[in-house]
């Protein structure tokens, strides 16, 4: 089961400085959900009551402070794109996390051919800062499974959709078949060799209802999910 596959994720956050608008507990939660790229097979599960060490954890530090590019200059932001023009480090990204080796981790990873740990993506937005605001934290990653917390689930964001069910209530052929095919912008309908319309790919349907806007098709085409 997916929930039983171990991965590494941020479990502890040592908060040294946080003057952003995000409360400490929210910031810690956001950090915990940043996926970490490291082979979990290189680590042991941390035992309760035992200290963190090079065999059961990895550590990152994050220290970002926002300043004005021109000290003392008045700044009026018309949109978020302007912030990069006027401020240094207005955004805190996952790529700002810097790995801090514990013990002999650097040598061990290089010796065993283990890719050095880093966030899976560098552009995950963690927080937004304004001049004078600062975030300084250290985080500890440990091995876990998704049954304990979703941050240890080795999956992407999940989603679902209701599958369209499209049925032709009557035979549509000839010029009407051509018209029905042309009405659908997603290419749901096609025409058989004998000139009869049929549902080629119902999964492409976005329920735009273009196919039933003409009165002639309203009783001939059935849309559902």
N, C-alpha and C. Protein backbone atom coordinates (compact mmCIF):
# COMPACT_ATOMS: atom_id res chain seq x y z
N UNK A 1 0.83 -1.19 0.00
CA UNK A 1 0.00 0.00 0.00
C UNK A 1 0.88 1.25 0.00
N UNK A 2 0.37 2.32 -0.65
CA UNK A 2 1.10 3.59 -0.71
C UNK A 2 1.42 4.10 0.68
N UNK A 3 0.45 3.97 1.62
CA UNK A 3 0.62 4.51 2.97
C UNK A 3 1.74 3.82 3.74
N UNK A 4 2.20 2.64 3.26
CA UNK A 4 3.24 1.90 3.96
C UNK A 4 4.63 2.15 3.38
N UNK A 5 4.73 2.88 2.26
CA UNK A 5 6.02 3.14 1.63
C UNK A 5 6.69 4.31 2.35
N UNK A 6 7.88 4.11 2.94
CA UNK A 6 8.52 5.20 3.70
C UNK A 6 9.15 6.25 2.80
N UNK A 7 9.14 7.48 3.27
CA UNK A 7 9.83 8.59 2.63
C UNK A 7 10.43 9.47 3.74
N UNK A 8 11.18 10.48 3.32
CA UNK A 8 11.74 11.44 4.28
C UNK A 8 10.95 12.74 4.19
N UNK A 9 10.63 13.33 5.33
CA UNK A 9 9.89 14.60 5.36
C UNK A 9 10.29 15.39 6.60
N UNK A 10 10.05 16.69 6.54
CA UNK A 10 10.39 17.57 7.67
C UNK A 10 9.45 17.28 8.83
N UNK A 11 10.03 16.96 9.98
CA UNK A 11 9.25 16.62 11.17
C UNK A 11 9.41 17.65 12.30
N UNK A 12 10.61 18.21 12.44
CA UNK A 12 10.86 19.19 13.50
C UNK A 12 11.32 20.52 12.89
N UNK A 13 10.81 21.61 13.44
CA UNK A 13 11.21 22.95 12.99
C UNK A 13 11.70 23.74 14.20
N UNK A 14 12.95 24.15 14.15
CA UNK A 14 13.52 24.99 15.21
C UNK A 14 13.42 26.44 14.74
N UNK A 15 12.53 27.19 15.34
CA UNK A 15 12.21 28.54 14.89
C UNK A 15 13.07 29.55 15.66
N UNK A 16 14.06 30.13 14.98
CA UNK A 16 14.92 31.13 15.62
C UNK A 16 14.40 32.55 15.40
N UNK A 17 13.83 32.80 14.24
CA UNK A 17 13.32 34.14 13.94
C UNK A 17 12.20 34.02 12.90
N UNK A 18 11.07 34.65 13.18
CA UNK A 18 9.98 34.71 12.22
C UNK A 18 9.19 36.00 12.43
N UNK A 19 9.54 37.02 11.65
CA UNK A 19 8.81 38.29 11.74
C UNK A 19 7.91 38.49 10.53
N UNK A 20 7.65 37.40 9.80
CA UNK A 20 6.70 37.48 8.68
C UNK A 20 5.28 37.51 9.23
N UNK A 21 4.30 37.66 8.32
CA UNK A 21 2.90 37.71 8.76
C UNK A 21 2.34 36.30 9.01
N UNK A 22 3.12 35.27 8.69
CA UNK A 22 2.66 33.89 8.90
C UNK A 22 2.99 33.45 10.32
N UNK A 23 2.00 33.01 11.10
CA UNK A 23 2.28 32.53 12.46
C UNK A 23 3.26 31.35 12.45
N UNK A 24 3.98 31.18 13.54
CA UNK A 24 5.00 30.14 13.62
C UNK A 24 4.45 28.76 13.28
N UNK A 25 3.26 28.43 13.83
CA UNK A 25 2.73 27.09 13.62
C UNK A 25 2.32 26.87 12.16
N UNK A 26 1.82 27.92 11.51
CA UNK A 26 1.47 27.80 10.09
C UNK A 26 2.71 27.65 9.22
N UNK A 27 3.76 28.40 9.57
CA UNK A 27 5.01 28.31 8.82
C UNK A 27 5.62 26.91 8.96
N UNK A 28 5.58 26.37 10.17
CA UNK A 28 6.10 25.02 10.40
C UNK A 28 5.32 23.99 9.58
N UNK A 29 4.00 24.18 9.51
CA UNK A 29 3.17 23.25 8.74
C UNK A 29 3.50 23.33 7.26
N UNK A 30 3.68 24.52 6.74
CA UNK A 30 4.02 24.70 5.32
C UNK A 30 5.37 24.05 5.01
N UNK A 31 6.33 24.22 5.90
CA UNK A 31 7.64 23.62 5.70
C UNK A 31 7.53 22.09 5.71
N UNK A 32 6.70 21.57 6.58
CA UNK A 32 6.55 20.12 6.68
C UNK A 32 6.04 19.47 5.43
N UNK A 33 5.31 20.22 4.61
CA UNK A 33 4.72 19.66 3.39
C UNK A 33 5.61 19.82 2.17
N UNK A 34 6.79 20.42 2.34
CA UNK A 34 7.73 20.53 1.22
C UNK A 34 8.34 19.15 0.96
N UNK A 35 8.16 18.58 -0.23
CA UNK A 35 8.73 17.25 -0.50
C UNK A 35 10.25 17.31 -0.59
N UNK A 36 10.90 16.33 0.03
CA UNK A 36 12.36 16.28 0.07
C UNK A 36 12.86 15.14 -0.82
N UNK A 37 13.81 15.46 -1.69
CA UNK A 37 14.37 14.46 -2.60
C UNK A 37 15.59 13.81 -1.95
N UNK A 38 15.40 12.62 -1.40
CA UNK A 38 16.49 11.84 -0.81
C UNK A 38 16.01 10.40 -0.72
N UNK A 39 16.91 9.47 -0.93
CA UNK A 39 16.56 8.05 -0.88
C UNK A 39 16.32 7.62 0.57
N UNK A 40 15.10 7.28 0.95
CA UNK A 40 14.82 6.92 2.35
C UNK A 40 15.50 5.63 2.79
N UNK A 41 15.94 4.81 1.83
CA UNK A 41 16.59 3.55 2.19
C UNK A 41 17.94 3.77 2.86
N UNK A 42 18.44 4.99 2.75
CA UNK A 42 19.74 5.30 3.37
C UNK A 42 19.60 5.66 4.85
N UNK A 43 18.38 5.60 5.38
CA UNK A 43 18.14 6.04 6.75
C UNK A 43 17.35 5.00 7.54
N UNK A 44 17.49 5.09 8.84
CA UNK A 44 16.73 4.25 9.74
C UNK A 44 15.52 5.04 10.25
N UNK A 45 14.50 4.33 10.73
CA UNK A 45 13.41 5.00 11.42
C UNK A 45 13.92 5.49 12.78
N UNK A 46 13.55 6.73 13.14
CA UNK A 46 13.97 7.25 14.44
C UNK A 46 13.16 6.57 15.54
N UNK A 47 13.84 6.03 16.51
CA UNK A 47 13.17 5.39 17.63
C UNK A 47 12.80 6.43 18.69
N UNK A 48 11.63 6.26 19.28
CA UNK A 48 11.16 7.21 20.29
C UNK A 48 12.14 7.27 21.46
N UNK A 49 12.46 8.49 21.85
CA UNK A 49 13.39 8.68 22.95
C UNK A 49 14.85 8.71 22.56
N UNK A 50 15.14 8.32 21.31
CA UNK A 50 16.51 8.33 20.84
C UNK A 50 16.83 9.67 20.17
N UNK A 51 18.07 10.14 20.25
CA UNK A 51 18.41 11.44 19.64
C UNK A 51 18.53 11.34 18.12
N UNK A 52 18.44 12.49 17.45
CA UNK A 52 18.67 12.53 16.01
C UNK A 52 20.16 12.35 15.74
N UNK A 53 20.47 11.61 14.67
CA UNK A 53 21.86 11.41 14.29
C UNK A 53 21.96 11.28 12.78
N UNK A 54 23.17 11.00 12.30
CA UNK A 54 23.39 10.95 10.85
C UNK A 54 22.71 9.77 10.19
N UNK A 55 22.28 8.78 10.97
CA UNK A 55 21.65 7.58 10.42
C UNK A 55 20.13 7.67 10.35
N UNK A 56 19.54 8.61 11.10
CA UNK A 56 18.07 8.65 11.14
C UNK A 56 17.48 10.01 10.76
N UNK A 57 18.31 10.94 10.31
CA UNK A 57 17.76 12.27 10.03
C UNK A 57 18.67 13.05 9.08
N UNK A 58 18.09 14.09 8.49
CA UNK A 58 18.86 15.09 7.75
C UNK A 58 18.38 16.46 8.19
N UNK A 59 19.24 17.45 8.04
CA UNK A 59 18.95 18.79 8.55
C UNK A 59 19.11 19.83 7.44
N UNK A 60 18.21 20.81 7.45
CA UNK A 60 18.32 21.95 6.55
C UNK A 60 18.22 23.23 7.38
N UNK A 61 18.82 24.31 6.86
CA UNK A 61 18.63 25.61 7.47
C UNK A 61 18.01 26.55 6.44
N UNK A 62 17.28 27.52 6.93
CA UNK A 62 16.62 28.51 6.07
C UNK A 62 16.76 29.87 6.73
N UNK A 63 17.42 30.80 6.04
CA UNK A 63 17.60 32.14 6.60
C UNK A 63 17.45 33.16 5.47
N UNK A 64 16.32 33.86 5.47
CA UNK A 64 16.03 34.85 4.43
C UNK A 64 15.54 36.13 5.10
N UNK A 65 16.10 37.25 4.67
CA UNK A 65 15.66 38.56 5.17
C UNK A 65 15.36 39.47 4.00
N UNK A 66 14.25 40.16 4.06
CA UNK A 66 13.84 41.07 2.99
C UNK A 66 14.35 42.48 3.28
N UNK A 67 14.94 43.11 2.27
CA UNK A 67 15.42 44.49 2.38
C UNK A 67 15.06 45.26 1.13
N UNK A 68 15.09 46.57 1.23
CA UNK A 68 14.88 47.41 0.05
C UNK A 68 16.14 47.46 -0.79
N UNK A 69 15.98 47.47 -2.09
CA UNK A 69 17.14 47.58 -2.97
C UNK A 69 17.74 48.98 -2.89
N UNK A 70 16.88 49.98 -2.65
CA UNK A 70 17.34 51.35 -2.44
C UNK A 70 16.88 51.77 -1.04
N UNK A 71 17.75 51.67 -0.05
CA UNK A 71 17.35 52.00 1.32
C UNK A 71 16.75 53.41 1.43
N UNK A 72 15.65 53.51 2.12
CA UNK A 72 15.01 54.80 2.35
C UNK A 72 14.10 55.27 1.25
N UNK A 73 14.13 54.63 0.10
CA UNK A 73 13.29 55.06 -1.02
C UNK A 73 11.84 54.65 -0.79
N UNK A 74 10.89 55.57 -1.07
CA UNK A 74 9.47 55.19 -0.96
C UNK A 74 9.10 54.18 -2.04
N UNK A 75 8.26 53.24 -1.68
CA UNK A 75 7.88 52.18 -2.62
C UNK A 75 6.37 52.07 -2.70
N UNK A 76 5.85 52.10 -3.92
CA UNK A 76 4.42 51.87 -4.16
C UNK A 76 4.32 50.68 -5.10
N UNK A 77 3.70 49.62 -4.63
CA UNK A 77 3.56 48.42 -5.45
C UNK A 77 2.22 48.43 -6.17
N UNK A 78 2.26 48.41 -7.49
CA UNK A 78 1.03 48.34 -8.27
C UNK A 78 0.58 46.90 -8.47
N UNK A 79 1.51 45.98 -8.45
CA UNK A 79 1.18 44.56 -8.54
C UNK A 79 2.35 43.76 -7.97
N UNK A 80 2.15 42.46 -7.82
CA UNK A 80 3.17 41.62 -7.19
C UNK A 80 4.44 41.51 -8.04
N UNK A 81 4.33 41.79 -9.34
CA UNK A 81 5.53 41.72 -10.18
C UNK A 81 6.53 42.81 -9.81
N UNK A 82 6.05 43.90 -9.24
CA UNK A 82 6.95 45.00 -8.88
C UNK A 82 7.83 44.69 -7.68
N UNK A 83 7.45 43.72 -6.86
CA UNK A 83 8.18 43.48 -5.63
C UNK A 83 9.63 43.06 -5.90
N UNK A 84 9.86 42.32 -6.97
CA UNK A 84 11.22 41.91 -7.30
C UNK A 84 12.07 43.10 -7.75
N UNK A 85 11.43 44.16 -8.25
CA UNK A 85 12.16 45.35 -8.69
C UNK A 85 12.64 46.18 -7.51
N UNK A 86 11.86 46.17 -6.43
CA UNK A 86 12.14 47.08 -5.32
C UNK A 86 12.76 46.38 -4.10
N UNK A 87 12.54 45.06 -3.97
CA UNK A 87 12.96 44.37 -2.75
C UNK A 87 13.94 43.24 -3.05
N UNK A 88 14.82 42.99 -2.08
CA UNK A 88 15.65 41.80 -2.10
C UNK A 88 14.95 40.70 -1.30
N UNK A 89 14.79 39.54 -1.87
CA UNK A 89 14.17 38.37 -1.22
C UNK A 89 12.76 38.65 -0.70
N UNK A 90 11.86 39.12 -1.57
CA UNK A 90 10.48 39.31 -1.11
C UNK A 90 9.71 37.99 -0.98
N UNK A 91 10.25 36.92 -1.58
CA UNK A 91 9.60 35.61 -1.52
C UNK A 91 10.57 34.57 -0.96
N UNK A 92 10.04 33.72 -0.12
CA UNK A 92 10.82 32.62 0.43
C UNK A 92 10.39 31.34 -0.28
N UNK A 93 11.32 30.70 -0.96
CA UNK A 93 11.01 29.50 -1.72
C UNK A 93 11.69 28.27 -1.09
N UNK A 94 11.19 27.11 -1.49
CA UNK A 94 11.78 25.86 -1.00
C UNK A 94 13.26 25.77 -1.37
N UNK A 95 13.64 26.38 -2.49
CA UNK A 95 15.04 26.36 -2.90
C UNK A 95 15.96 27.10 -1.95
N UNK A 96 15.40 27.89 -1.02
CA UNK A 96 16.22 28.60 -0.04
C UNK A 96 16.65 27.69 1.10
N UNK A 97 16.09 26.47 1.16
CA UNK A 97 16.53 25.51 2.18
C UNK A 97 17.92 24.99 1.82
N UNK A 98 18.84 25.07 2.77
CA UNK A 98 20.23 24.66 2.55
C UNK A 98 20.53 23.45 3.43
N UNK A 99 21.00 22.39 2.79
CA UNK A 99 21.31 21.17 3.53
C UNK A 99 22.52 21.37 4.45
N UNK A 100 22.40 20.90 5.69
CA UNK A 100 23.49 20.96 6.66
C UNK A 100 23.86 19.51 7.02
N UNK A 101 25.00 19.01 6.53
CA UNK A 101 25.37 17.61 6.82
C UNK A 101 25.52 17.36 8.32
N UNK A 102 25.07 16.17 8.74
CA UNK A 102 25.23 15.74 10.13
C UNK A 102 26.31 14.67 10.16
N UNK A 103 27.32 14.86 10.99
CA UNK A 103 28.38 13.87 11.10
C UNK A 103 29.09 13.64 9.78
N UNK A 104 29.15 12.36 9.37
CA UNK A 104 29.87 11.99 8.15
C UNK A 104 28.95 11.85 6.94
N UNK A 105 27.77 12.49 6.98
CA UNK A 105 26.80 12.31 5.89
C UNK A 105 27.36 12.68 4.52
N UNK A 106 28.07 13.79 4.44
CA UNK A 106 28.62 14.23 3.15
C UNK A 106 29.49 13.13 2.54
N UNK A 107 30.42 12.61 3.33
CA UNK A 107 31.33 11.58 2.83
C UNK A 107 30.58 10.27 2.56
N UNK A 108 29.64 9.92 3.42
CA UNK A 108 28.89 8.67 3.25
C UNK A 108 28.03 8.69 2.00
N UNK A 109 27.34 9.82 1.77
CA UNK A 109 26.49 9.92 0.58
C UNK A 109 27.32 9.84 -0.70
N UNK A 110 28.46 10.54 -0.69
CA UNK A 110 29.33 10.51 -1.87
C UNK A 110 29.93 9.11 -2.08
N UNK A 111 30.27 8.45 -0.99
CA UNK A 111 30.86 7.12 -1.07
C UNK A 111 29.85 6.08 -1.57
N UNK A 112 28.61 6.20 -1.12
CA UNK A 112 27.58 5.23 -1.47
C UNK A 112 26.77 5.64 -2.70
N UNK A 113 27.14 6.77 -3.33
CA UNK A 113 26.45 7.19 -4.54
C UNK A 113 25.03 7.68 -4.30
N UNK A 114 24.76 8.24 -3.13
CA UNK A 114 23.43 8.75 -2.79
C UNK A 114 23.36 10.23 -3.16
N UNK A 115 22.35 10.60 -3.94
CA UNK A 115 22.19 12.00 -4.32
C UNK A 115 22.02 12.86 -3.07
N UNK A 116 22.70 14.00 -3.05
CA UNK A 116 22.64 14.87 -1.87
C UNK A 116 21.21 15.39 -1.68
N UNK A 117 20.73 15.45 -0.44
CA UNK A 117 19.34 15.86 -0.18
C UNK A 117 19.06 17.30 -0.56
N UNK A 118 17.87 17.52 -1.06
CA UNK A 118 17.42 18.84 -1.44
C UNK A 118 15.90 18.81 -1.59
N UNK A 119 15.23 19.97 -1.59
CA UNK A 119 13.79 19.98 -1.89
C UNK A 119 13.55 19.44 -3.30
N UNK A 120 12.47 18.72 -3.48
CA UNK A 120 12.17 18.13 -4.79
C UNK A 120 12.00 19.21 -5.84
N UNK A 121 11.41 20.35 -5.46
CA UNK A 121 11.25 21.49 -6.37
C UNK A 121 11.76 22.74 -5.65
N UNK A 122 12.43 23.61 -6.39
CA UNK A 122 13.00 24.82 -5.79
C UNK A 122 12.04 26.00 -5.75
N UNK A 123 10.90 25.90 -6.45
CA UNK A 123 10.02 27.08 -6.59
C UNK A 123 8.73 26.98 -5.79
N UNK A 124 8.71 26.18 -4.74
CA UNK A 124 7.52 26.10 -3.88
C UNK A 124 7.53 27.32 -2.95
N UNK A 125 6.49 28.14 -3.03
CA UNK A 125 6.44 29.37 -2.21
C UNK A 125 6.11 29.01 -0.76
N UNK A 126 6.98 29.42 0.14
CA UNK A 126 6.79 29.15 1.57
C UNK A 126 6.19 30.37 2.27
N UNK A 127 6.69 31.55 1.94
CA UNK A 127 6.20 32.78 2.59
C UNK A 127 6.57 33.99 1.73
N UNK A 128 5.88 35.10 1.99
CA UNK A 128 6.19 36.38 1.35
C UNK A 128 6.65 37.35 2.44
N UNK A 129 7.69 38.09 2.12
CA UNK A 129 8.27 39.02 3.10
C UNK A 129 8.24 40.44 2.56
N UNK A 130 8.34 41.38 3.48
CA UNK A 130 8.48 42.80 3.17
C UNK A 130 9.67 43.34 3.95
N UNK A 131 10.23 44.49 3.53
CA UNK A 131 11.45 44.99 4.16
C UNK A 131 11.41 44.96 5.69
N UNK A 132 12.46 44.41 6.26
CA UNK A 132 12.56 44.28 7.71
C UNK A 132 12.09 42.95 8.24
N UNK A 133 11.34 42.20 7.44
CA UNK A 133 10.85 40.90 7.89
C UNK A 133 11.90 39.83 7.60
N UNK A 134 11.95 38.83 8.47
CA UNK A 134 13.02 37.83 8.39
C UNK A 134 12.51 36.48 8.87
N UNK A 135 13.02 35.43 8.24
CA UNK A 135 12.74 34.06 8.67
C UNK A 135 14.07 33.34 8.82
N UNK A 136 14.30 32.78 10.00
CA UNK A 136 15.49 31.97 10.25
C UNK A 136 15.07 30.73 11.01
N UNK A 137 15.18 29.58 10.36
CA UNK A 137 14.78 28.32 10.99
C UNK A 137 15.77 27.23 10.63
N UNK A 138 15.76 26.17 11.41
CA UNK A 138 16.44 24.93 11.06
C UNK A 138 15.40 23.82 11.15
N UNK A 139 15.44 22.90 10.20
CA UNK A 139 14.45 21.83 10.17
C UNK A 139 15.15 20.48 10.17
N UNK A 140 14.47 19.50 10.72
CA UNK A 140 15.00 18.14 10.78
C UNK A 140 14.02 17.21 10.06
N UNK A 141 14.55 16.44 9.13
CA UNK A 141 13.74 15.47 8.39
C UNK A 141 13.98 14.08 8.96
N UNK A 142 12.91 13.31 9.04
CA UNK A 142 13.05 11.93 9.47
C UNK A 142 12.20 11.02 8.60
N UNK A 143 12.40 9.75 8.73
CA UNK A 143 11.73 8.74 7.92
C UNK A 143 10.37 8.41 8.51
N UNK A 144 9.37 8.31 7.64
CA UNK A 144 8.03 7.99 8.11
C UNK A 144 7.19 7.41 7.00
N UNK A 145 5.93 7.09 7.32
CA UNK A 145 5.00 6.52 6.34
C UNK A 145 3.73 7.36 6.30
N UNK A 146 3.03 7.29 5.16
CA UNK A 146 1.85 8.10 4.96
C UNK A 146 0.72 7.81 5.92
N UNK A 147 0.69 6.61 6.52
CA UNK A 147 -0.35 6.29 7.50
C UNK A 147 -0.23 7.17 8.73
N UNK A 148 0.99 7.64 9.01
CA UNK A 148 1.23 8.52 10.16
C UNK A 148 0.82 9.95 9.83
N UNK A 149 1.26 10.44 8.64
CA UNK A 149 0.93 11.80 8.20
C UNK A 149 1.07 11.86 6.69
N UNK A 150 0.22 12.69 6.06
CA UNK A 150 0.20 12.78 4.60
C UNK A 150 1.52 13.26 4.02
N UNK A 151 2.32 13.98 4.81
CA UNK A 151 3.59 14.50 4.27
C UNK A 151 4.56 13.38 3.93
N UNK A 152 4.35 12.18 4.47
CA UNK A 152 5.19 11.04 4.16
C UNK A 152 4.62 10.18 3.04
N UNK A 153 3.55 10.64 2.40
CA UNK A 153 2.98 9.88 1.29
C UNK A 153 3.75 10.16 0.01
N UNK A 154 4.28 9.13 -0.65
CA UNK A 154 5.09 9.35 -1.87
C UNK A 154 4.22 9.49 -3.10
N UNK A 155 3.30 10.46 -3.07
CA UNK A 155 2.38 10.65 -4.19
C UNK A 155 2.27 12.13 -4.52
N UNK A 156 1.73 12.42 -5.70
CA UNK A 156 1.47 13.80 -6.07
C UNK A 156 0.10 14.21 -5.55
N UNK A 157 -0.27 15.45 -5.77
CA UNK A 157 -1.61 15.89 -5.39
C UNK A 157 -2.65 15.08 -6.15
N UNK A 158 -3.62 14.54 -5.42
CA UNK A 158 -4.64 13.70 -6.04
C UNK A 158 -5.87 14.53 -6.39
N UNK A 159 -6.57 14.14 -7.43
CA UNK A 159 -7.80 14.80 -7.80
C UNK A 159 -8.73 13.79 -8.45
N UNK A 160 -9.97 14.14 -8.59
CA UNK A 160 -10.91 13.27 -9.27
C UNK A 160 -11.84 14.11 -10.11
N UNK A 161 -12.49 13.47 -11.06
CA UNK A 161 -13.51 14.14 -11.86
C UNK A 161 -14.61 13.15 -12.16
N UNK A 162 -15.81 13.66 -12.34
CA UNK A 162 -16.93 12.82 -12.76
C UNK A 162 -16.80 12.57 -14.25
N UNK A 163 -16.83 11.32 -14.64
CA UNK A 163 -16.65 10.98 -16.05
C UNK A 163 -17.94 11.25 -16.83
N UNK A 164 -17.83 11.91 -17.97
CA UNK A 164 -19.02 12.22 -18.78
C UNK A 164 -19.62 10.94 -19.37
N UNK A 165 -20.94 10.93 -19.44
CA UNK A 165 -21.68 9.85 -20.11
C UNK A 165 -22.50 10.49 -21.22
N UNK A 166 -22.15 10.18 -22.47
CA UNK A 166 -22.80 10.80 -23.62
C UNK A 166 -23.46 9.71 -24.46
N UNK A 167 -24.73 9.87 -24.72
CA UNK A 167 -25.47 8.88 -25.49
C UNK A 167 -26.26 9.57 -26.60
N UNK A 168 -26.28 8.93 -27.76
CA UNK A 168 -27.11 9.41 -28.87
C UNK A 168 -28.44 8.68 -28.82
N UNK A 169 -29.51 9.43 -28.59
CA UNK A 169 -30.84 8.84 -28.44
C UNK A 169 -31.44 8.43 -29.78
N UNK A 170 -30.98 9.04 -30.85
CA UNK A 170 -31.46 8.73 -32.19
C UNK A 170 -30.27 8.64 -33.14
N UNK A 171 -30.49 8.00 -34.26
CA UNK A 171 -29.44 7.93 -35.28
C UNK A 171 -29.29 9.30 -35.95
N UNK A 172 -28.06 9.78 -35.97
CA UNK A 172 -27.76 11.07 -36.58
C UNK A 172 -26.79 10.82 -37.73
N UNK A 173 -27.20 11.18 -38.92
CA UNK A 173 -26.35 10.90 -40.07
C UNK A 173 -26.44 12.02 -41.10
N UNK A 174 -25.62 11.90 -42.12
CA UNK A 174 -25.63 12.89 -43.19
C UNK A 174 -25.13 14.25 -42.74
N UNK A 175 -25.84 15.29 -43.20
CA UNK A 175 -25.45 16.67 -42.90
C UNK A 175 -25.54 16.95 -41.40
N UNK A 176 -26.51 16.34 -40.71
CA UNK A 176 -26.64 16.56 -39.26
C UNK A 176 -25.45 15.96 -38.52
N UNK A 177 -24.96 14.83 -38.99
CA UNK A 177 -23.79 14.22 -38.36
C UNK A 177 -22.57 15.13 -38.50
N UNK A 178 -22.40 15.70 -39.68
CA UNK A 178 -21.31 16.64 -39.91
C UNK A 178 -21.43 17.86 -39.00
N UNK A 179 -22.65 18.34 -38.86
CA UNK A 179 -22.90 19.51 -38.01
C UNK A 179 -22.61 19.21 -36.55
N UNK A 180 -23.06 18.02 -36.08
CA UNK A 180 -22.81 17.65 -34.68
C UNK A 180 -21.32 17.53 -34.40
N UNK A 181 -20.60 16.92 -35.31
CA UNK A 181 -19.14 16.78 -35.15
C UNK A 181 -18.47 18.15 -35.06
N UNK A 182 -18.91 19.08 -35.92
CA UNK A 182 -18.31 20.42 -35.95
C UNK A 182 -18.66 21.24 -34.70
N UNK A 183 -19.79 20.94 -34.07
CA UNK A 183 -20.22 21.71 -32.90
C UNK A 183 -19.30 21.48 -31.70
N UNK A 184 -18.78 20.27 -31.54
CA UNK A 184 -17.99 19.95 -30.35
C UNK A 184 -16.55 20.42 -30.51
N UNK A 185 -16.08 21.35 -29.66
CA UNK A 185 -14.70 21.85 -29.78
C UNK A 185 -13.65 20.86 -29.28
N UNK A 186 -14.09 19.80 -28.58
CA UNK A 186 -13.15 18.84 -28.01
C UNK A 186 -13.00 17.57 -28.85
N UNK A 187 -13.75 17.48 -29.93
CA UNK A 187 -13.63 16.30 -30.78
C UNK A 187 -14.22 15.04 -30.19
N UNK A 188 -15.32 15.19 -29.45
CA UNK A 188 -15.96 14.03 -28.82
C UNK A 188 -16.64 13.14 -29.86
N UNK A 189 -17.21 13.75 -30.88
CA UNK A 189 -17.96 13.00 -31.88
C UNK A 189 -17.15 12.78 -33.15
N UNK A 190 -17.48 11.69 -33.84
CA UNK A 190 -16.87 11.42 -35.14
C UNK A 190 -17.93 10.75 -36.02
N UNK A 191 -17.58 10.47 -37.25
CA UNK A 191 -18.54 9.91 -38.20
C UNK A 191 -18.01 8.58 -38.74
N UNK A 192 -18.86 7.58 -38.69
CA UNK A 192 -18.49 6.27 -39.22
C UNK A 192 -18.46 6.30 -40.75
N UNK A 193 -17.94 5.22 -41.32
CA UNK A 193 -17.84 5.14 -42.78
C UNK A 193 -19.20 5.23 -43.47
N UNK A 194 -20.23 4.79 -42.76
CA UNK A 194 -21.57 4.82 -43.36
C UNK A 194 -22.25 6.18 -43.18
N UNK A 195 -21.50 7.13 -42.61
CA UNK A 195 -22.03 8.49 -42.48
C UNK A 195 -22.85 8.74 -41.23
N UNK A 196 -22.76 7.86 -40.25
CA UNK A 196 -23.52 8.01 -39.01
C UNK A 196 -22.62 8.53 -37.89
N UNK A 197 -23.12 9.48 -37.12
CA UNK A 197 -22.35 10.04 -36.01
C UNK A 197 -22.28 9.05 -34.85
N UNK A 198 -21.15 9.07 -34.14
CA UNK A 198 -21.01 8.22 -32.94
C UNK A 198 -20.12 8.94 -31.93
N UNK A 199 -20.18 8.49 -30.69
CA UNK A 199 -19.36 9.08 -29.62
C UNK A 199 -17.99 8.43 -29.66
N UNK A 200 -17.00 9.20 -30.06
CA UNK A 200 -15.64 8.66 -30.24
C UNK A 200 -14.86 8.66 -28.92
N UNK A 201 -14.95 9.76 -28.16
CA UNK A 201 -14.16 9.86 -26.93
C UNK A 201 -14.90 10.71 -25.91
N UNK A 202 -15.73 10.06 -25.10
CA UNK A 202 -16.55 10.81 -24.14
C UNK A 202 -15.71 11.44 -23.03
N UNK A 203 -14.51 10.89 -22.74
CA UNK A 203 -13.69 11.43 -21.66
C UNK A 203 -13.17 12.84 -21.95
N UNK A 204 -13.18 13.24 -23.23
CA UNK A 204 -12.73 14.59 -23.59
C UNK A 204 -13.79 15.65 -23.34
N UNK A 205 -15.00 15.22 -23.06
CA UNK A 205 -16.11 16.17 -22.90
C UNK A 205 -15.91 17.07 -21.69
N UNK A 206 -16.09 18.37 -21.87
CA UNK A 206 -15.99 19.33 -20.77
C UNK A 206 -17.36 19.85 -20.36
N UNK A 207 -18.40 19.24 -20.89
CA UNK A 207 -19.79 19.63 -20.62
C UNK A 207 -20.03 21.09 -20.98
N UNK A 208 -19.50 21.51 -22.11
CA UNK A 208 -19.72 22.88 -22.57
C UNK A 208 -21.13 23.06 -23.14
N UNK A 209 -21.79 21.94 -23.47
CA UNK A 209 -23.19 21.92 -23.94
C UNK A 209 -23.37 22.50 -25.34
N UNK A 210 -22.29 22.72 -26.06
CA UNK A 210 -22.42 23.23 -27.43
C UNK A 210 -23.20 22.27 -28.32
N UNK A 211 -23.07 20.98 -28.05
CA UNK A 211 -23.72 19.98 -28.90
C UNK A 211 -25.24 19.95 -28.74
N UNK A 212 -25.76 20.52 -27.66
CA UNK A 212 -27.22 20.49 -27.47
C UNK A 212 -27.84 21.88 -27.49
N UNK A 213 -27.05 22.87 -27.88
CA UNK A 213 -27.63 24.22 -27.99
C UNK A 213 -28.62 24.30 -29.15
N UNK A 214 -28.32 23.72 -30.32
CA UNK A 214 -29.33 23.72 -31.39
C UNK A 214 -30.54 22.87 -30.97
N UNK A 215 -31.71 23.38 -31.18
CA UNK A 215 -32.92 22.69 -30.75
C UNK A 215 -33.03 21.30 -31.37
N UNK A 216 -32.53 21.12 -32.58
CA UNK A 216 -32.64 19.85 -33.28
C UNK A 216 -31.92 18.70 -32.57
N UNK A 217 -30.90 19.05 -31.73
CA UNK A 217 -30.12 18.00 -31.06
C UNK A 217 -30.50 17.81 -29.59
N UNK A 218 -31.36 18.64 -29.08
CA UNK A 218 -31.64 18.59 -27.65
C UNK A 218 -32.25 17.27 -27.21
N UNK A 219 -33.04 16.64 -28.07
CA UNK A 219 -33.64 15.35 -27.73
C UNK A 219 -32.88 14.18 -28.34
N UNK A 220 -31.83 14.48 -29.09
CA UNK A 220 -31.07 13.42 -29.75
C UNK A 220 -29.76 13.10 -29.02
N UNK A 221 -29.25 14.07 -28.27
CA UNK A 221 -27.99 13.88 -27.54
C UNK A 221 -28.26 14.00 -26.04
N UNK A 222 -27.81 12.99 -25.30
CA UNK A 222 -27.99 12.98 -23.84
C UNK A 222 -26.64 13.16 -23.17
N UNK A 223 -26.54 14.19 -22.32
CA UNK A 223 -25.30 14.48 -21.57
C UNK A 223 -25.52 14.15 -20.10
N UNK A 224 -24.60 13.44 -19.52
CA UNK A 224 -24.66 13.12 -18.09
C UNK A 224 -23.26 12.90 -17.54
N UNK A 225 -23.18 12.57 -16.25
CA UNK A 225 -21.90 12.28 -15.59
C UNK A 225 -22.06 11.10 -14.66
